[in-house]
Amino acid sequence: MATYGLMIDNEYCTGCHTCEIACRNELGLPMGQWGIKLLEMGPWRKPDGTWEGKYVPVPTTSCNLCEERVAQGGVPSCALHCLADAIEYGTLEELARKMADRGEQCSIFLP
């Protein structure tokens, strides 16, 4: 049996918060509770004088990978609605292959 999860590519996350909103609506979570939470890091000054900042979507313990949606053949709401396609859903094997072709800012989440 395949193990499913999320691959999050922080290099492409734009910080739009759509994943948070989609997740909260899908799971019916109250304000202040998150299935996925967007962390904002920075800004910080780089040695060349330019500024950098990162957005990092982090699934929480409330994340169930939208089990009802997935059971009906869909994908988790955060992945479906991610405007930057920074969140992908698939089997661990698929995600590991994709991750090998990506940069160092990818992570895989398994519930």
N, C-alpha and C. Protein backbone atom coordinates (compact mmCIF):
# COMPACT_ATOMS: atom_id res chain seq x y z
N MET A 1 0.85 -1.19 0.00
CA MET A 1 0.00 0.00 0.00
C MET A 1 0.89 1.24 0.00
N ALA A 2 0.59 2.19 -0.86
CA ALA A 2 1.40 3.40 -1.00
C ALA A 2 1.15 4.35 0.17
N THR A 3 2.20 5.04 0.54
CA THR A 3 2.11 6.09 1.55
C THR A 3 2.02 7.43 0.83
N TYR A 4 1.05 8.25 1.19
CA TYR A 4 0.84 9.54 0.55
C TYR A 4 1.29 10.68 1.45
N GLY A 5 1.65 11.78 0.83
CA GLY A 5 2.07 12.94 1.59
C GLY A 5 2.08 14.19 0.73
N LEU A 6 2.64 15.26 1.28
CA LEU A 6 2.77 16.54 0.58
C LEU A 6 4.24 16.85 0.38
N MET A 7 4.58 17.40 -0.79
CA MET A 7 5.90 17.97 -1.00
C MET A 7 5.70 19.47 -1.06
N ILE A 8 6.47 20.18 -0.25
CA ILE A 8 6.37 21.63 -0.20
C ILE A 8 7.69 22.21 -0.68
N ASP A 9 7.63 23.02 -1.74
CA ASP A 9 8.81 23.65 -2.31
C ASP A 9 8.81 25.11 -1.87
N ASN A 10 9.58 25.41 -0.83
CA ASN A 10 9.60 26.75 -0.26
C ASN A 10 10.22 27.79 -1.18
N GLU A 11 10.94 27.35 -2.19
CA GLU A 11 11.53 28.29 -3.14
C GLU A 11 10.45 29.04 -3.92
N TYR A 12 9.31 28.40 -4.15
CA TYR A 12 8.28 28.99 -4.99
C TYR A 12 7.10 29.57 -4.21
N CYS A 13 7.04 29.34 -2.91
CA CYS A 13 5.93 29.88 -2.12
C CYS A 13 6.00 31.41 -2.13
N THR A 14 4.87 32.05 -2.47
CA THR A 14 4.81 33.51 -2.55
C THR A 14 4.25 34.16 -1.30
N GLY A 15 3.79 33.36 -0.35
CA GLY A 15 3.25 33.92 0.88
C GLY A 15 1.82 34.41 0.77
N CYS A 16 1.05 33.86 -0.14
CA CYS A 16 -0.32 34.35 -0.39
C CYS A 16 -1.33 33.91 0.68
N HIS A 17 -1.00 32.92 1.48
CA HIS A 17 -1.87 32.38 2.54
C HIS A 17 -3.06 31.59 2.02
N THR A 18 -3.14 31.33 0.71
CA THR A 18 -4.26 30.59 0.16
C THR A 18 -4.35 29.19 0.74
N CYS A 19 -3.21 28.56 0.99
CA CYS A 19 -3.22 27.21 1.57
C CYS A 19 -3.91 27.21 2.94
N GLU A 20 -3.63 28.23 3.74
CA GLU A 20 -4.26 28.32 5.07
C GLU A 20 -5.77 28.46 4.96
N ILE A 21 -6.21 29.33 4.10
CA ILE A 21 -7.65 29.59 3.94
C ILE A 21 -8.36 28.37 3.38
N ALA A 22 -7.78 27.75 2.35
CA ALA A 22 -8.38 26.57 1.75
C ALA A 22 -8.49 25.44 2.78
N CYS A 23 -7.45 25.26 3.56
CA CYS A 23 -7.44 24.21 4.58
C CYS A 23 -8.49 24.49 5.66
N ARG A 24 -8.51 25.72 6.14
CA ARG A 24 -9.48 26.06 7.20
C ARG A 24 -10.90 25.82 6.71
N ASN A 25 -11.19 26.23 5.47
CA ASN A 25 -12.54 26.03 4.93
C ASN A 25 -12.86 24.56 4.74
N GLU A 26 -11.90 23.79 4.24
CA GLU A 26 -12.13 22.35 3.99
C GLU A 26 -12.40 21.60 5.29
N LEU A 27 -11.61 21.88 6.32
CA LEU A 27 -11.73 21.15 7.58
C LEU A 27 -12.70 21.80 8.57
N GLY A 28 -13.22 22.97 8.24
CA GLY A 28 -14.14 23.66 9.14
C GLY A 28 -13.48 24.11 10.42
N LEU A 29 -12.24 24.54 10.34
CA LEU A 29 -11.49 24.95 11.53
C LEU A 29 -11.86 26.37 11.95
N PRO A 30 -11.89 26.64 13.25
CA PRO A 30 -12.19 28.00 13.72
C PRO A 30 -10.98 28.91 13.52
N MET A 31 -11.22 30.22 13.59
CA MET A 31 -10.13 31.18 13.49
C MET A 31 -9.09 30.86 14.56
N GLY A 32 -7.82 30.98 14.19
CA GLY A 32 -6.74 30.72 15.14
C GLY A 32 -6.29 29.27 15.17
N GLN A 33 -6.98 28.38 14.47
CA GLN A 33 -6.56 26.99 14.39
C GLN A 33 -6.20 26.71 12.94
N TRP A 34 -5.13 25.95 12.74
CA TRP A 34 -4.59 25.77 11.40
C TRP A 34 -4.36 24.30 11.09
N GLY A 35 -4.62 23.91 9.86
CA GLY A 35 -4.22 22.61 9.37
C GLY A 35 -2.87 22.73 8.69
N ILE A 36 -2.65 23.91 8.09
CA ILE A 36 -1.35 24.27 7.54
C ILE A 36 -1.16 25.75 7.89
N LYS A 37 0.02 26.10 8.34
CA LYS A 37 0.30 27.47 8.78
C LYS A 37 1.48 28.01 7.99
N LEU A 38 1.32 29.20 7.45
CA LEU A 38 2.40 29.83 6.69
C LEU A 38 3.28 30.63 7.64
N LEU A 39 4.53 30.21 7.75
CA LEU A 39 5.50 30.94 8.56
C LEU A 39 6.24 31.93 7.68
N GLU A 40 6.48 33.12 8.21
CA GLU A 40 7.21 34.15 7.48
C GLU A 40 8.57 34.34 8.15
N MET A 41 9.61 34.18 7.38
CA MET A 41 10.98 34.33 7.88
C MET A 41 11.60 35.56 7.23
N GLY A 42 12.13 36.45 8.04
CA GLY A 42 12.79 37.63 7.49
C GLY A 42 11.87 38.82 7.50
N PRO A 43 12.27 39.86 6.82
CA PRO A 43 13.41 39.94 5.91
C PRO A 43 14.73 40.11 6.67
N TRP A 44 15.81 39.71 5.99
CA TRP A 44 17.16 39.91 6.52
C TRP A 44 18.05 40.42 5.40
N ARG A 45 19.08 41.16 5.80
CA ARG A 45 20.00 41.72 4.82
C ARG A 45 21.08 40.71 4.50
N LYS A 46 21.28 40.48 3.20
CA LYS A 46 22.31 39.56 2.73
C LYS A 46 23.65 40.30 2.65
N PRO A 47 24.77 39.56 2.58
CA PRO A 47 26.08 40.21 2.53
C PRO A 47 26.24 41.20 1.37
N ASP A 48 25.51 40.99 0.27
CA ASP A 48 25.64 41.90 -0.86
C ASP A 48 24.77 43.16 -0.72
N GLY A 49 24.08 43.29 0.42
CA GLY A 49 23.27 44.47 0.70
C GLY A 49 21.81 44.34 0.30
N THR A 50 21.45 43.29 -0.44
CA THR A 50 20.05 43.09 -0.80
C THR A 50 19.31 42.42 0.35
N TRP A 51 18.01 42.39 0.24
CA TRP A 51 17.18 41.80 1.28
C TRP A 51 16.59 40.48 0.81
N GLU A 52 16.38 39.59 1.76
CA GLU A 52 15.78 38.30 1.46
C GLU A 52 14.76 37.94 2.53
N GLY A 53 13.76 37.21 2.13
CA GLY A 53 12.75 36.70 3.05
C GLY A 53 12.21 35.40 2.48
N LYS A 54 11.64 34.58 3.31
CA LYS A 54 11.11 33.29 2.89
C LYS A 54 9.74 33.07 3.52
N TYR A 55 8.93 32.32 2.81
CA TYR A 55 7.65 31.85 3.33
C TYR A 55 7.72 30.34 3.39
N VAL A 56 7.26 29.77 4.50
CA VAL A 56 7.38 28.33 4.70
C VAL A 56 6.02 27.78 5.16
N PRO A 57 5.25 27.11 4.28
CA PRO A 57 4.02 26.47 4.70
C PRO A 57 4.34 25.22 5.54
N VAL A 58 3.76 25.13 6.73
CA VAL A 58 4.05 24.02 7.63
C VAL A 58 2.74 23.34 8.04
N PRO A 59 2.52 22.08 7.64
CA PRO A 59 1.34 21.34 8.11
C PRO A 59 1.40 21.17 9.63
N THR A 60 0.25 21.25 10.27
CA THR A 60 0.17 21.10 11.72
C THR A 60 -0.43 19.74 12.07
N THR A 61 -0.58 19.49 13.35
CA THR A 61 -1.17 18.23 13.78
C THR A 61 -2.65 18.13 13.41
N SER A 62 -3.28 19.23 13.04
CA SER A 62 -4.68 19.20 12.59
C SER A 62 -4.81 18.73 11.14
N CYS A 63 -3.70 18.67 10.41
CA CYS A 63 -3.73 18.25 9.00
C CYS A 63 -4.01 16.74 8.93
N ASN A 64 -5.02 16.39 8.15
CA ASN A 64 -5.31 14.97 7.91
C ASN A 64 -5.22 14.66 6.42
N LEU A 65 -4.52 15.52 5.68
CA LEU A 65 -4.39 15.41 4.21
C LEU A 65 -5.76 15.38 3.53
N CYS A 66 -6.71 16.09 4.13
CA CYS A 66 -8.08 16.18 3.57
C CYS A 66 -8.61 14.78 3.24
N GLU A 67 -8.59 13.90 4.23
CA GLU A 67 -8.91 12.50 4.00
C GLU A 67 -10.24 12.27 3.30
N GLU A 68 -11.26 13.07 3.60
CA GLU A 68 -12.56 12.89 2.93
C GLU A 68 -12.46 13.28 1.46
N ARG A 69 -11.80 14.40 1.17
CA ARG A 69 -11.63 14.87 -0.21
C ARG A 69 -10.82 13.85 -1.01
N VAL A 70 -9.74 13.34 -0.42
CA VAL A 70 -8.87 12.38 -1.10
C VAL A 70 -9.60 11.06 -1.33
N ALA A 71 -10.42 10.63 -0.36
CA ALA A 71 -11.18 9.38 -0.51
C ALA A 71 -12.15 9.45 -1.70
N GLN A 72 -12.56 10.66 -2.07
CA GLN A 72 -13.46 10.85 -3.21
C GLN A 72 -12.69 11.11 -4.51
N GLY A 73 -11.36 10.92 -4.47
CA GLY A 73 -10.55 11.06 -5.68
C GLY A 73 -9.91 12.42 -5.87
N GLY A 74 -10.06 13.32 -4.91
CA GLY A 74 -9.47 14.65 -5.01
C GLY A 74 -8.07 14.71 -4.41
N VAL A 75 -7.56 15.90 -4.31
CA VAL A 75 -6.27 16.15 -3.67
C VAL A 75 -6.51 17.08 -2.49
N PRO A 76 -5.58 17.13 -1.53
CA PRO A 76 -5.76 18.03 -0.40
C PRO A 76 -6.00 19.48 -0.87
N SER A 77 -6.83 20.17 -0.14
CA SER A 77 -7.25 21.51 -0.51
C SER A 77 -6.07 22.48 -0.64
N CYS A 78 -5.06 22.35 0.22
CA CYS A 78 -3.91 23.25 0.14
C CYS A 78 -3.18 23.09 -1.19
N ALA A 79 -3.02 21.85 -1.65
CA ALA A 79 -2.34 21.59 -2.92
C ALA A 79 -3.19 22.05 -4.09
N LEU A 80 -4.49 21.83 -4.01
CA LEU A 80 -5.39 22.23 -5.10
C LEU A 80 -5.39 23.74 -5.30
N HIS A 81 -5.36 24.48 -4.21
CA HIS A 81 -5.51 25.94 -4.28
C HIS A 81 -4.20 26.72 -4.25
N CYS A 82 -3.07 26.06 -4.12
CA CYS A 82 -1.78 26.76 -4.08
C CYS A 82 -1.55 27.50 -5.40
N LEU A 83 -1.51 28.81 -5.34
CA LEU A 83 -1.38 29.63 -6.55
C LEU A 83 -0.02 29.49 -7.21
N ALA A 84 1.00 29.14 -6.45
CA ALA A 84 2.36 29.02 -6.99
C ALA A 84 2.73 27.58 -7.31
N ASP A 85 1.81 26.64 -7.11
CA ASP A 85 2.09 25.21 -7.27
C ASP A 85 3.29 24.78 -6.43
N ALA A 86 3.41 25.36 -5.26
CA ALA A 86 4.51 25.03 -4.35
C ALA A 86 4.19 23.81 -3.49
N ILE A 87 2.93 23.37 -3.48
CA ILE A 87 2.50 22.22 -2.68
C ILE A 87 1.97 21.16 -3.63
N GLU A 88 2.54 19.96 -3.55
CA GLU A 88 2.11 18.85 -4.39
C GLU A 88 1.75 17.66 -3.51
N TYR A 89 0.75 16.90 -3.96
CA TYR A 89 0.30 15.70 -3.26
C TYR A 89 0.63 14.48 -4.11
N GLY A 90 1.06 13.41 -3.46
CA GLY A 90 1.33 12.18 -4.19
C GLY A 90 1.88 11.11 -3.28
N THR A 91 2.30 10.00 -3.89
CA THR A 91 2.89 8.93 -3.10
C THR A 91 4.30 9.34 -2.69
N LEU A 92 4.78 8.72 -1.65
CA LEU A 92 6.13 9.02 -1.18
C LEU A 92 7.15 8.79 -2.28
N GLU A 93 6.96 7.74 -3.05
CA GLU A 93 7.89 7.44 -4.14
C GLU A 93 7.87 8.53 -5.21
N GLU A 94 6.67 8.98 -5.61
CA GLU A 94 6.55 10.06 -6.60
C GLU A 94 7.20 11.35 -6.09
N LEU A 95 6.88 11.68 -4.85
CA LEU A 95 7.39 12.92 -4.28
C LEU A 95 8.91 12.88 -4.12
N ALA A 96 9.45 11.73 -3.74
CA ALA A 96 10.91 11.60 -3.59
C ALA A 96 11.61 11.80 -4.94
N ARG A 97 11.02 11.26 -6.02
CA ARG A 97 11.60 11.46 -7.36
C ARG A 97 11.56 12.94 -7.75
N LYS A 98 10.43 13.59 -7.52
CA LYS A 98 10.32 15.00 -7.85
C LYS A 98 11.27 15.85 -7.00
N MET A 99 11.38 15.49 -5.74
CA MET A 99 12.24 16.24 -4.83
C MET A 99 13.70 16.17 -5.27
N ALA A 100 14.11 15.04 -5.83
CA ALA A 100 15.49 14.87 -6.28
C ALA A 100 15.83 15.83 -7.41
N ASP A 101 14.81 16.27 -8.18
CA ASP A 101 15.02 17.19 -9.28
C ASP A 101 14.86 18.65 -8.88
N ARG A 102 14.51 18.89 -7.65
CA ARG A 102 14.25 20.25 -7.17
C ARG A 102 15.44 20.75 -6.36
N GLY A 103 15.31 21.98 -5.89
CA GLY A 103 16.34 22.59 -5.07
C GLY A 103 16.34 22.06 -3.65
N GLU A 104 17.14 22.67 -2.84
CA GLU A 104 17.31 22.24 -1.44
C GLU A 104 16.19 22.70 -0.53
N GLN A 105 15.26 23.48 -1.04
CA GLN A 105 14.23 24.05 -0.18
C GLN A 105 12.94 23.25 -0.18
N CYS A 106 13.00 22.00 -0.60
CA CYS A 106 11.83 21.12 -0.60
C CYS A 106 11.79 20.28 0.67
N SER A 107 10.58 19.98 1.09
CA SER A 107 10.41 19.06 2.20
C SER A 107 9.18 18.20 1.92
N ILE A 108 9.14 17.04 2.54
CA ILE A 108 8.01 16.13 2.39
C ILE A 108 7.33 15.99 3.74
N PHE A 109 6.00 16.09 3.75
CA PHE A 109 5.21 15.93 4.96
C PHE A 109 4.38 14.67 4.85
N LEU A 110 4.48 13.82 5.85
CA LEU A 110 3.66 12.62 5.96
C LEU A 110 2.88 12.72 7.25
N PRO A 111 1.56 12.49 7.21
CA PRO A 111 0.77 12.62 8.44
C PRO A 111 1.07 11.52 9.43
